[in-house]
Protein backbone atom coordinates (compact mmCIF):
# COMPACT_ATOMS: atom_id res chain seq x y z
CA MET A 1 41.87 56.38 -23.92
CA ASP A 2 38.48 54.95 -23.10
CA ARG A 3 36.36 54.90 -26.25
CA LEU A 4 33.03 55.47 -24.49
CA THR A 5 34.45 58.53 -22.72
CA SER A 6 35.79 59.85 -26.02
CA MET A 7 32.40 59.27 -27.64
CA SER A 8 30.73 61.23 -24.83
CA VAL A 9 33.13 64.13 -25.36
CA PHE A 10 32.57 64.02 -29.13
CA VAL A 11 28.77 64.10 -28.76
CA LYS A 12 28.96 67.03 -26.38
CA ALA A 13 31.36 68.90 -28.68
CA ALA A 14 29.06 68.32 -31.66
CA GLU A 15 26.10 69.66 -29.70
CA LEU A 16 27.81 72.70 -28.18
CA GLY A 17 29.76 73.67 -31.30
CA SER A 18 33.11 74.44 -29.66
CA PHE A 19 35.87 72.77 -27.72
CA ALA A 20 35.92 75.59 -25.17
CA ALA A 21 32.22 75.22 -24.34
CA THR A 22 32.59 71.44 -24.15
CA ALA A 23 35.57 71.77 -21.83
CA GLY A 24 33.59 74.06 -19.54
CA VAL A 25 30.64 71.70 -19.27
CA LEU A 26 32.74 68.56 -18.80
CA GLU A 27 35.26 70.30 -16.53
CA ILE A 28 38.27 69.31 -18.59
CA SER A 29 40.70 71.39 -20.66
CA PRO A 30 40.05 72.27 -24.34
CA GLN A 31 43.27 70.41 -25.13
CA MET A 32 41.80 67.24 -23.57
CA VAL A 33 38.65 67.67 -25.65
CA ALA A 34 40.83 67.84 -28.76
CA LYS A 35 42.72 64.69 -27.68
CA HIS A 36 39.48 62.72 -27.32
CA ILE A 37 38.30 63.78 -30.80
CA ALA A 38 41.72 63.02 -32.29
CA PHE A 39 41.69 59.60 -30.62
CA LEU A 40 38.38 58.70 -32.25
CA GLU A 41 39.47 60.00 -35.64
CA ALA A 42 42.69 57.99 -35.42
CA GLN A 43 40.77 54.85 -34.44
CA LEU A 44 38.30 55.28 -37.29
CA GLY A 45 40.69 56.68 -39.88
CA ILE A 46 38.24 59.46 -40.75
CA VAL A 47 37.62 63.14 -40.00
CA LEU A 48 34.64 63.72 -37.75
CA LEU A 49 34.85 67.48 -37.30
CA ASN A 50 35.95 70.22 -39.68
CA ARG A 51 37.73 72.73 -37.47
CA THR A 52 38.90 76.30 -38.14
CA THR A 53 39.98 79.02 -35.76
CA ARG A 54 36.45 80.44 -35.77
CA ARG A 55 34.07 77.50 -36.10
CA GLN A 56 33.66 73.76 -36.26
CA SER A 57 31.17 71.57 -38.10
CA LEU A 58 30.46 67.89 -38.47
CA THR A 59 31.52 66.13 -41.61
CA ASP A 60 28.92 63.93 -43.31
CA VAL A 61 30.39 60.84 -41.73
CA GLY A 62 30.78 62.76 -38.46
CA GLN A 63 27.04 63.51 -38.48
CA ALA A 64 26.18 59.85 -38.99
CA TYR A 65 28.70 58.83 -36.33
CA TYR A 66 27.22 61.40 -33.94
CA GLU A 67 23.72 59.93 -34.35
CA ARG A 68 24.97 56.39 -33.65
CA CYS A 69 27.03 57.55 -30.67
CA LYS A 70 23.94 59.08 -29.09
CA ILE A 71 22.15 55.73 -29.41
CA ILE A 72 25.10 53.79 -28.00
CA LEU A 73 25.56 56.13 -25.05
CA SER A 74 21.84 56.02 -24.32
CA GLU A 75 21.95 52.21 -24.28
CA VAL A 76 24.95 52.25 -21.94
CA GLU A 77 23.11 54.60 -19.61
CA SER A 78 20.04 52.36 -19.71
CA ALA A 79 22.17 49.29 -18.94
CA ASP A 80 23.81 51.05 -16.00
CA SER A 81 20.42 52.17 -14.75
CA LEU A 82 19.02 48.65 -15.05
CA ALA A 83 21.97 47.16 -13.16
CA PHE A 84 21.62 49.77 -10.42
CA ASP A 85 17.87 49.24 -10.23
CA MET A 86 18.24 45.46 -9.92
CA HIS A 87 20.88 45.96 -7.25
CA THR A 88 18.65 48.26 -5.20
CA LYS A 89 15.24 46.63 -5.80
CA PRO A 90 14.45 42.91 -5.67
CA LYS A 91 13.85 42.01 -9.29
CA GLY A 92 14.54 39.20 -11.74
CA ILE A 93 14.81 35.40 -11.70
CA ILE A 94 16.25 33.46 -8.73
CA LYS A 95 17.42 29.94 -9.54
CA VAL A 96 16.88 27.75 -6.47
CA SER A 97 17.80 24.13 -5.78
CA ALA A 98 16.28 22.00 -3.01
CA PRO A 99 16.01 18.32 -2.04
CA VAL A 100 13.04 16.59 -3.63
CA THR A 101 10.90 15.87 -0.55
CA PHE A 102 11.52 19.13 1.29
CA GLY A 103 11.24 21.15 -1.91
CA ALA A 104 8.05 19.54 -3.14
CA ILE A 105 6.16 19.64 0.17
CA ARG A 106 7.55 22.55 2.21
CA MET A 107 8.71 25.04 -0.43
CA PRO A 108 5.62 25.72 -2.60
CA SER A 109 3.56 27.56 0.04
CA PHE A 110 6.63 29.52 1.16
CA ILE A 111 7.53 30.49 -2.42
CA SER A 112 3.93 31.52 -3.12
CA ARG A 113 3.98 33.91 -0.16
CA PHE A 114 7.41 35.21 -1.14
CA LEU A 115 6.32 35.92 -4.72
CA SER A 116 3.23 37.72 -3.44
CA SER A 117 5.50 40.02 -1.41
CA TYR A 118 7.95 40.58 -4.28
CA PRO A 119 5.94 40.90 -7.52
CA GLU A 120 9.00 41.63 -9.69
CA ILE A 121 10.80 38.40 -8.74
CA GLN A 122 10.46 35.02 -10.45
CA ILE A 123 11.55 31.69 -8.89
CA ASP A 124 13.02 28.84 -10.92
CA LEU A 125 12.97 25.89 -8.49
CA SER A 126 14.92 22.71 -9.29
CA LEU A 127 14.32 19.64 -7.10
CA ASN A 128 17.11 17.09 -6.92
CA ASP A 129 18.69 14.90 -4.26
CA ARG A 130 22.03 14.64 -6.07
CA PHE A 131 24.96 16.99 -5.43
CA VAL A 132 24.49 20.25 -7.32
CA ASP A 133 27.40 22.46 -8.39
CA PRO A 134 25.90 25.96 -8.15
CA LEU A 135 28.50 27.63 -10.35
CA GLU A 136 28.24 25.03 -13.09
CA GLU A 137 24.44 24.96 -13.06
CA GLY A 138 23.81 28.66 -12.37
CA ILE A 139 22.09 28.06 -9.03
CA GLU A 140 21.92 31.13 -6.78
CA VAL A 141 20.40 29.65 -3.62
CA MET A 142 20.35 26.05 -2.37
CA ILE A 143 18.79 24.14 0.49
CA ARG A 144 21.11 21.37 1.65
CA ILE A 145 20.35 18.59 4.12
CA GLY A 146 23.30 16.85 5.80
CA GLU A 147 26.83 17.86 6.66
CA LEU A 148 28.41 20.54 4.46
CA GLU A 149 31.76 19.96 2.81
CA ASP A 150 32.04 22.76 0.25
CA SER A 151 34.01 25.61 1.87
CA SER A 152 33.44 27.90 -1.14
CA MET A 153 29.82 28.39 -0.07
CA ILE A 154 28.28 30.80 2.41
CA ALA A 155 25.93 28.85 4.68
CA ARG A 156 23.16 29.89 7.06
CA ARG A 157 21.87 27.34 9.52
CA LEU A 158 18.22 26.29 9.40
CA ALA A 159 16.25 24.18 11.85
CA PRO A 160 17.49 20.57 11.85
CA TYR A 161 15.77 18.12 9.52
CA ARG A 162 14.29 15.75 12.11
CA LEU A 163 12.79 12.38 11.19
CA ILE A 164 10.09 10.44 13.01
CA ALA A 165 8.40 7.07 12.43
CA CYS A 166 4.70 6.84 11.68
CA ALA A 167 2.09 4.36 10.53
CA SER A 168 -1.64 4.46 9.86
CA PRO A 169 -4.15 3.54 12.60
CA GLU A 170 -5.31 0.65 10.40
CA TYR A 171 -1.78 -0.79 10.10
CA LEU A 172 -1.16 -0.54 13.83
CA ALA A 173 -4.52 -2.16 14.61
CA LYS A 174 -3.48 -5.18 12.53
CA ARG A 175 0.23 -5.40 13.32
CA GLY A 176 0.60 -3.78 16.71
CA ASN A 177 2.54 -0.73 17.82
CA PRO A 178 6.30 -1.33 18.29
CA ASP A 179 7.56 -0.44 21.77
CA THR A 180 11.29 -0.65 21.00
CA VAL A 181 13.54 -0.01 18.03
CA ALA A 182 14.36 -3.72 17.84
CA GLU A 183 10.70 -4.55 17.24
CA LEU A 184 10.84 -2.74 13.90
CA THR A 185 12.38 -5.93 12.45
CA MET A 186 8.95 -7.55 12.82
CA HIS A 187 7.20 -4.85 10.79
CA ASP A 188 6.85 -3.82 7.16
CA CYS A 189 9.00 -0.72 6.88
CA LEU A 190 8.69 1.64 3.94
CA ILE A 191 12.26 2.27 2.84
CA TYR A 192 13.55 5.47 1.28
CA THR A 193 16.42 4.22 -0.87
CA ASN A 194 18.25 7.54 -1.18
CA TRP A 195 19.31 7.25 2.46
CA SER A 196 21.43 4.18 1.76
CA THR A 197 23.56 3.00 -1.13
CA THR A 198 23.70 -0.59 0.13
CA SER A 199 21.18 -3.39 0.49
CA LEU A 200 21.14 -2.83 4.27
CA TYR A 201 18.71 -0.12 5.41
CA ARG A 202 19.40 1.05 8.93
CA TRP A 203 17.20 3.32 11.03
CA ARG A 204 18.76 5.02 14.02
CA PHE A 205 16.98 6.33 17.12
CA THR A 206 18.13 7.81 20.44
CA ARG A 207 16.75 7.39 23.95
CA ASN A 208 18.30 8.82 27.12
CA GLY A 209 21.43 9.67 25.17
CA LYS A 210 21.88 6.10 23.93
CA VAL A 211 21.79 5.38 20.19
CA GLU A 212 19.88 2.33 19.01
CA GLU A 213 20.16 1.21 15.40
CA VAL A 214 18.25 -1.48 13.55
CA SER A 215 18.33 -2.99 10.06
CA VAL A 216 14.81 -2.71 8.69
CA ASN A 217 13.09 -4.70 5.99
CA GLY A 218 10.13 -4.01 3.78
CA ARG A 219 8.56 -4.99 0.49
CA PHE A 220 8.20 -1.41 -0.73
CA ARG A 221 11.28 0.70 -1.43
CA CYS A 222 11.34 3.98 -3.35
CA ASN A 223 13.67 6.88 -4.09
CA ASP A 224 10.79 9.38 -3.78
CA TRP A 225 9.60 9.60 -0.17
CA LYS A 226 6.23 11.09 -1.15
CA ALA A 227 5.26 7.67 -2.57
CA LEU A 228 6.16 6.07 0.76
CA LEU A 229 4.04 8.65 2.57
CA HIS A 230 0.99 7.69 0.52
CA ALA A 231 1.73 4.00 1.14
CA ALA A 232 1.88 4.62 4.90
CA ILE A 233 -1.44 6.48 4.84
CA SER A 234 -2.88 3.55 2.89
CA GLY A 235 -1.89 1.21 5.72
CA PHE A 236 0.99 -0.58 4.04
CA GLY A 237 3.71 -0.08 6.66
CA ILE A 238 5.81 2.19 8.86
CA THR A 239 7.52 5.21 7.29
CA LEU A 240 10.45 7.21 8.59
CA GLY A 241 10.18 10.78 7.35
CA PRO A 242 10.39 14.50 8.08
CA GLU A 243 8.77 15.48 11.37
CA THR A 244 7.36 18.74 10.01
CA ILE A 245 5.50 16.89 7.26
CA LEU A 246 4.39 13.85 9.25
CA ASP A 247 3.11 16.02 12.11
CA GLN A 248 0.47 17.37 9.73
CA GLU A 249 -0.68 13.84 8.91
CA VAL A 250 -0.74 12.94 12.61
CA LYS A 251 -2.87 15.98 13.43
CA ALA A 252 -5.24 15.03 10.61
CA GLY A 253 -5.58 11.53 12.07
CA ARG A 254 -4.24 9.80 8.98
CA LEU A 255 -1.07 8.61 10.74
CA VAL A 256 0.06 7.82 14.29
CA ARG A 257 3.56 8.41 15.57
CA VAL A 258 5.33 5.26 16.80
CA LEU A 259 8.30 4.97 19.17
CA ASN A 260 7.25 8.15 20.96
CA ASN A 261 9.80 7.56 23.70
CA TYR A 262 12.64 7.77 21.17
CA GLU A 263 14.18 10.66 19.26
CA GLY A 264 14.39 10.01 15.54
CA PRO A 265 17.40 10.75 13.35
CA SER A 266 18.28 14.40 12.85
CA LYS A 267 20.25 15.98 10.02
CA PRO A 268 21.61 19.51 9.80
CA MET A 269 19.98 21.73 7.18
CA HIS A 270 21.33 24.95 5.67
CA VAL A 271 20.55 27.51 3.04
CA VAL A 272 23.72 28.12 1.04
CA TYR A 273 24.86 30.34 -1.80
CA PRO A 274 28.15 30.90 -3.67
CA SER A 275 30.72 33.15 -2.02
CA LEU A 276 32.58 34.09 -5.20
CA ARG A 277 30.43 37.12 -5.86
CA LYS A 278 28.52 39.65 -3.78
CA PRO A 279 24.91 38.47 -3.34
CA THR A 280 22.29 40.49 -5.18
CA ILE A 281 19.46 42.12 -3.28
CA LYS A 282 16.97 39.56 -4.67
CA GLN A 283 19.25 36.79 -3.39
CA ARG A 284 19.60 38.40 0.04
CA CYS A 285 15.84 38.91 0.35
CA PHE A 286 15.14 35.29 -0.54
CA VAL A 287 17.75 33.93 1.87
CA ASP A 288 16.50 36.15 4.70
CA GLU A 289 12.92 34.98 4.12
CA ILE A 290 14.01 31.32 4.10
CA ILE A 291 15.78 31.81 7.43
CA SER A 292 12.72 33.54 8.87
CA GLU A 293 10.49 30.69 7.68
CA PHE A 294 12.58 27.60 8.33
CA GLY A 295 15.14 28.12 11.01
CA MET A 296 17.86 29.72 13.01
CA GLN A 297 19.58 33.03 12.51
CA GLU A 298 23.24 32.19 13.15
CA ASP A 299 25.79 32.33 10.36
CA ILE A 300 28.33 29.55 10.23
CA CYS A 301 31.86 29.49 8.94
């Protein structure tokens, strides 16, 4: 027998004073009421109820047990209510992982708006360019840039992560504006080292369907692209970075796009979450808002 069910029957029997009345309220037989009480007494090795043909009463230990059972059953009801409430209303902490550059520059304003719309949600954002195991690290939602390999994840496609090349007006006034991809070899390029694990740093562009690739050189390399962005604005070289971020600098006049007649590299981007459990409502709300903010609506397999 289930102990919590038996405890519920015992509490009701103690309050109503008879097995028959308890059976009527719980819609079970008096014999089943007796079985639940007997089960508890056998488990505990004590007598909870003194029973005669005319009346029943709690023993001293039965009275104490009754009081504790009421507390336990109340806690169980509260826990069930909390779980139901969190399943029906967005509430609680969402652990999110995102790449460093995208997460640091694009996510804060989005998260601020999201939290304003959902006051009972908290966001724990972790920024990292390494591979993250969501199950091992407790991550509920991830932004991933690049091809996906993990089939255990549910993925929703976002707008591609497009890269463009830019430099400051001051740099271009001194060094000239490259007209072709090959001319990049004559320039100081600001190199994001996370894009390559070798000493050769290759930038790839496309024009009229033809791919052109060049090995670039530069005196400043960094694994945090934000540092390279500041260096480009300071006039130290040409940076290759996210179009959505660099466009803001171009509009502000701090940078100028180079190689306008070429398309820069493009990487797929997705929001993903584990498929091993049903997503919570807070998770679904966050994913839906990310899709609305950053990309396309199609699911992928």
